[in-house]
Amino acid sequence: MSRDIEVLSHLVGSLDELIRKLEKSVNENKIDEANSIKATIFEINKKIIEESA
């Protein structure tokens, strides 16, 4: 259980960092970069759902 919490904590931290990068990319109108970050966020969300199931 402790390992699961550790993994989820790491994934949430990664999401937080990616969301900040996404906001910056959108503000700078870097659409390709923003789309790439969104895809990564989607994959991390998927992993979080799998880990918490």
PDB file of N, CA and C in Angstrom:
ATOM      1  N   MET A   1       0.827  -1.198   0.000  1.00  0.00           N
ATOM      2  CA  MET A   1       0.000   0.000   0.000  1.00  0.00           C
ATOM      3  C   MET A   1       0.869   1.259   0.000  1.00  0.00           C
ATOM      4  N   SER A   2       1.943   1.229   0.777  1.00  0.00           N
ATOM      5  CA  SER A   2       2.841   2.377   0.843  1.00  0.00           C
ATOM      6  C   SER A   2       3.447   2.676  -0.528  1.00  0.00           C
ATOM      7  N   ARG A   3       3.786   1.629  -1.247  1.00  0.00           N
ATOM      8  CA  ARG A   3       4.354   1.786  -2.592  1.00  0.00           C
ATOM      9  C   ARG A   3       3.335   2.431  -3.532  1.00  0.00           C
ATOM     10  N   ASP A   4       2.077   2.029  -3.408  1.00  0.00           N
ATOM     11  CA  ASP A   4       1.024   2.614  -4.243  1.00  0.00           C
ATOM     12  C   ASP A   4       0.910   4.112  -3.994  1.00  0.00           C
ATOM     13  N   ILE A   5       0.957   4.495  -2.738  1.00  0.00           N
ATOM     14  CA  ILE A   5       0.859   5.912  -2.383  1.00  0.00           C
ATOM     15  C   ILE A   5       2.058   6.671  -2.935  1.00  0.00           C
ATOM     16  N   GLU A   6       3.219   6.054  -2.868  1.00  0.00           N
ATOM     17  CA  GLU A   6       4.437   6.669  -3.398  1.00  0.00           C
ATOM     18  C   GLU A   6       4.321   6.888  -4.904  1.00  0.00           C
ATOM     19  N   VAL A   7       3.843   5.888  -5.608  1.00  0.00           N
ATOM     20  CA  VAL A   7       3.680   5.987  -7.063  1.00  0.00           C
ATOM     21  C   VAL A   7       2.654   7.062  -7.405  1.00  0.00           C
ATOM     22  N   LEU A   8       1.519   7.046  -6.724  1.00  0.00           N
ATOM     23  CA  LEU A   8       0.480   8.047  -6.990  1.00  0.00           C
ATOM     24  C   LEU A   8       0.976   9.455  -6.692  1.00  0.00           C
ATOM     25  N   SER A   9       1.717   9.604  -5.616  1.00  0.00           N
ATOM     26  CA  SER A   9       2.260  10.908  -5.252  1.00  0.00           C
ATOM     27  C   SER A   9       3.193  11.423  -6.345  1.00  0.00           C
ATOM     28  N   HIS A  10       4.030  10.545  -6.867  1.00  0.00           N
ATOM     29  CA  HIS A  10       4.945  10.927  -7.950  1.00  0.00           C
ATOM     30  C   HIS A  10       4.160  11.333  -9.201  1.00  0.00           C
ATOM     31  N   LEU A  11       3.139  10.569  -9.533  1.00  0.00           N
ATOM     32  CA  LEU A  11       2.341  10.874 -10.723  1.00  0.00           C
ATOM     33  C   LEU A  11       1.616  12.209 -10.580  1.00  0.00           C
ATOM     34  N   VAL A  12       1.086  12.474  -9.398  1.00  0.00           N
ATOM     35  CA  VAL A  12       0.392  13.744  -9.166  1.00  0.00           C
ATOM     36  C   VAL A  12       1.380  14.906  -9.266  1.00  0.00           C
ATOM     37  N   GLY A  13       2.581  14.716  -8.727  1.00  0.00           N
ATOM     38  CA  GLY A  13       3.610  15.745  -8.851  1.00  0.00           C
ATOM     39  C   GLY A  13       3.965  16.010 -10.304  1.00  0.00           C
ATOM     40  N   SER A  14       4.055  14.955 -11.082  1.00  0.00           N
ATOM     41  CA  SER A  14       4.341  15.097 -12.511  1.00  0.00           C
ATOM     42  C   SER A  14       3.220  15.854 -13.209  1.00  0.00           C
ATOM     43  N   LEU A  15       1.993  15.549 -12.834  1.00  0.00           N
ATOM     44  CA  LEU A  15       0.844  16.248 -13.423  1.00  0.00           C
ATOM     45  C   LEU A  15       0.898  17.736 -13.124  1.00  0.00           C
ATOM     46  N   ASP A  16       1.209  18.077 -11.885  1.00  0.00           N
ATOM     47  CA  ASP A  16       1.277  19.479 -11.483  1.00  0.00           C
ATOM     48  C   ASP A  16       2.296  20.233 -12.336  1.00  0.00           C
ATOM     49  N   GLU A  17       3.460  19.639 -12.512  1.00  0.00           N
ATOM     50  CA  GLU A  17       4.512  20.260 -13.323  1.00  0.00           C
ATOM     51  C   GLU A  17       4.075  20.398 -14.780  1.00  0.00           C
ATOM     52  N   LEU A  18       3.457  19.366 -15.313  1.00  0.00           N
ATOM     53  CA  LEU A  18       3.004  19.405 -16.707  1.00  0.00           C
ATOM     54  C   LEU A  18       1.901  20.435 -16.926  1.00  0.00           C
ATOM     55  N   ILE A  19       1.024  20.586 -15.950  1.00  0.00           N
ATOM     56  CA  ILE A  19      -0.049  21.580 -16.081  1.00  0.00           C
ATOM     57  C   ILE A  19       0.544  22.981 -16.155  1.00  0.00           C
ATOM     58  N   ARG A  20       1.572  23.246 -15.341  1.00  0.00           N
ATOM     59  CA  ARG A  20       2.238  24.551 -15.408  1.00  0.00           C
ATOM     60  C   ARG A  20       2.879  24.761 -16.788  1.00  0.00           C
ATOM     61  N   LYS A  21       3.528  23.726 -17.309  1.00  0.00           N
ATOM     62  CA  LYS A  21       4.142  23.820 -18.640  1.00  0.00           C
ATOM     63  C   LYS A  21       3.083  24.025 -19.712  1.00  0.00           C
ATOM     64  N   LEU A  22       1.946  23.351 -19.554  1.00  0.00           N
ATOM     65  CA  LEU A  22       0.851  23.494 -20.513  1.00  0.00           C
ATOM     66  C   LEU A  22       0.328  24.927 -20.519  1.00  0.00           C
ATOM     67  N   GLU A  23       0.116  25.491 -19.336  1.00  0.00           N
ATOM     68  CA  GLU A  23      -0.364  26.873 -19.248  1.00  0.00           C
ATOM     69  C   GLU A  23       0.609  27.826 -19.939  1.00  0.00           C
ATOM     70  N   LYS A  24       1.904  27.621 -19.709  1.00  0.00           N
ATOM     71  CA  LYS A  24       2.917  28.475 -20.334  1.00  0.00           C
ATOM     72  C   LYS A  24       2.886  28.322 -21.853  1.00  0.00           C
ATOM     73  N   SER A  25       2.793  27.098 -22.335  1.00  0.00           N
ATOM     74  CA  SER A  25       2.757  26.851 -23.782  1.00  0.00           C
ATOM     75  C   SER A  25       1.542  27.498 -24.423  1.00  0.00           C
ATOM     76  N   VAL A  26       0.403  27.386 -23.762  1.00  0.00           N
ATOM     77  CA  VAL A  26      -0.823  27.989 -24.296  1.00  0.00           C
ATOM     78  C   VAL A  26      -0.681  29.511 -24.322  1.00  0.00           C
ATOM     79  N   ASN A  27      -0.160  30.072 -23.228  1.00  0.00           N
ATOM     80  CA  ASN A  27       0.015  31.528 -23.172  1.00  0.00           C
ATOM     81  C   ASN A  27       0.973  32.037 -24.245  1.00  0.00           C
ATOM     82  N   GLU A  28       1.967  31.215 -24.589  1.00  0.00           N
ATOM     83  CA  GLU A  28       2.936  31.603 -25.613  1.00  0.00           C
ATOM     84  C   GLU A  28       2.501  31.144 -27.004  1.00  0.00           C
ATOM     85  N   ASN A  29       1.304  30.586 -27.079  1.00  0.00           N
ATOM     86  CA  ASN A  29       0.719  30.134 -28.348  1.00  0.00           C
ATOM     87  C   ASN A  29       1.549  29.046 -29.029  1.00  0.00           C
ATOM     88  N   LYS A  30       2.152  28.169 -28.242  1.00  0.00           N
ATOM     89  CA  LYS A  30       2.922  27.039 -28.773  1.00  0.00           C
ATOM     90  C   LYS A  30       1.995  25.820 -28.812  1.00  0.00           C
ATOM     91  N   ILE A  31       1.201  25.752 -29.848  1.00  0.00           N
ATOM     92  CA  ILE A  31       0.129  24.765 -29.937  1.00  0.00           C
ATOM     93  C   ILE A  31       0.653  23.330 -30.004  1.00  0.00           C
ATOM     94  N   ASP A  32       1.679  23.074 -30.802  1.00  0.00           N
ATOM     95  CA  ASP A  32       2.210  21.706 -30.908  1.00  0.00           C
ATOM     96  C   ASP A  32       2.736  21.218 -29.565  1.00  0.00           C
ATOM     97  N   GLU A  33       3.465  22.093 -28.871  1.00  0.00           N
ATOM     98  CA  GLU A  33       3.989  21.740 -27.550  1.00  0.00           C
ATOM     99  C   GLU A  33       2.840  21.490 -26.575  1.00  0.00           C
ATOM    100  N   ALA A  34       1.829  22.340 -26.614  1.00  0.00           N
ATOM    101  CA  ALA A  34       0.673  22.190 -25.728  1.00  0.00           C
ATOM    102  C   ALA A  34      -0.041  20.867 -25.992  1.00  0.00           C
ATOM    103  N   ASN A  35      -0.197  20.500 -27.251  1.00  0.00           N
ATOM    104  CA  ASN A  35      -0.857  19.234 -27.590  1.00  0.00           C
ATOM    105  C   ASN A  35      -0.060  18.039 -27.094  1.00  0.00           C
ATOM    106  N   SER A  36       1.252  18.118 -27.183  1.00  0.00           N
ATOM    107  CA  SER A  36       2.112  17.047 -26.691  1.00  0.00           C
ATOM    108  C   SER A  36       1.980  16.907 -25.173  1.00  0.00           C
ATOM    109  N   ILE A  37       1.968  18.024 -24.487  1.00  0.00           N
ATOM    110  CA  ILE A  37       1.821  18.008 -23.026  1.00  0.00           C
ATOM    111  C   ILE A  37       0.456  17.454 -22.640  1.00  0.00           C
ATOM    112  N   LYS A  38      -0.579  17.848 -23.361  1.00  0.00           N
ATOM    113  CA  LYS A  38      -1.919  17.326 -23.075  1.00  0.00           C
ATOM    114  C   LYS A  38      -1.966  15.813 -23.218  1.00  0.00           C
ATOM    115  N   ALA A  39      -1.297  15.281 -24.228  1.00  0.00           N
ATOM    116  CA  ALA A  39      -1.263  13.831 -24.427  1.00  0.00           C
ATOM    117  C   ALA A  39      -0.553  13.146 -23.258  1.00  0.00           C
ATOM    118  N   THR A  40       0.525  13.747 -22.782  1.00  0.00           N
ATOM    119  CA  THR A  40       1.254  13.193 -21.639  1.00  0.00           C
ATOM    120  C   THR A  40       0.392  13.233 -20.385  1.00  0.00           C
ATOM    121  N   ILE A  41      -0.315  14.333 -20.180  1.00  0.00           N
ATOM    122  CA  ILE A  41      -1.214  14.452 -19.027  1.00  0.00           C
ATOM    123  C   ILE A  41      -2.285  13.364 -19.089  1.00  0.00           C
ATOM    124  N   PHE A  42      -2.832  13.129 -20.268  1.00  0.00           N
ATOM    125  CA  PHE A  42      -3.840  12.089 -20.442  1.00  0.00           C
ATOM    126  C   PHE A  42      -3.285  10.727 -20.032  1.00  0.00           C
ATOM    127  N   GLU A  43      -2.067  10.414 -20.457  1.00  0.00           N
ATOM    128  CA  GLU A  43      -1.447   9.126 -20.114  1.00  0.00           C
ATOM    129  C   GLU A  43      -1.205   9.002 -18.611  1.00  0.00           C
ATOM    130  N   ILE A  44      -0.775  10.077 -17.979  1.00  0.00           N
ATOM    131  CA  ILE A  44      -0.549  10.037 -16.529  1.00  0.00           C
ATOM    132  C   ILE A  44      -1.872   9.852 -15.801  1.00  0.00           C
ATOM    133  N   ASN A  45      -2.910  10.545 -16.242  1.00  0.00           N
ATOM    134  CA  ASN A  45      -4.233  10.366 -15.627  1.00  0.00           C
ATOM    135  C   ASN A  45      -4.678   8.914 -15.734  1.00  0.00           C
ATOM    136  N   LYS A  46      -4.423   8.314 -16.876  1.00  0.00           N
ATOM    137  CA  LYS A  46      -4.772   6.912 -17.094  1.00  0.00           C
ATOM    138  C   LYS A  46      -4.026   6.013 -16.100  1.00  0.00           C
ATOM    139  N   LYS A  47      -2.739   6.286 -15.892  1.00  0.00           N
ATOM    140  CA  LYS A  47      -1.946   5.507 -14.938  1.00  0.00           C
ATOM    141  C   LYS A  47      -2.466   5.687 -13.517  1.00  0.00           C
ATOM    142  N   ILE A  48      -2.853   6.914 -13.169  1.00  0.00           N
ATOM    143  CA  ILE A  48      -3.389   7.171 -11.828  1.00  0.00           C
ATOM    144  C   ILE A  48      -4.660   6.364 -11.616  1.00  0.00           C
ATOM    145  N   ILE A  49      -5.525   6.344 -12.610  1.00  0.00           N
ATOM    146  CA  ILE A  49      -6.771   5.579 -12.501  1.00  0.00           C
ATOM    147  C   ILE A  49      -6.463   4.094 -12.343  1.00  0.00           C
ATOM    148  N   GLU A  50      -5.510   3.593 -13.112  1.00  0.00           N
ATOM    149  CA  GLU A  50      -5.132   2.177 -13.009  1.00  0.00           C
ATOM    150  C   GLU A  50      -4.538   1.861 -11.641  1.00  0.00           C
ATOM    151  N   GLU A  51      -3.680   2.734 -11.128  1.00  0.00           N
ATOM    152  CA  GLU A  51      -3.024   2.504  -9.836  1.00  0.00           C
ATOM    153  C   GLU A  51      -4.010   2.577  -8.673  1.00  0.00           C
ATOM    154  N   SER A  52      -5.028   3.415  -8.813  1.00  0.00           N
ATOM    155  CA  SER A  52      -5.954   3.596  -7.696  1.00  0.00           C
ATOM    156  C   SER A  52      -7.132   2.630  -7.745  1.00  0.00           C
ATOM    157  N   ALA A  53      -7.211   1.832  -8.805  1.00  0.00           N
ATOM    158  CA  ALA A  53      -8.324   0.877  -8.935  1.00  0.00           C
ATOM    159  C   ALA A  53      -8.105  -0.344  -8.064  1.00  0.00           C
TER     160      ALA A  53
END
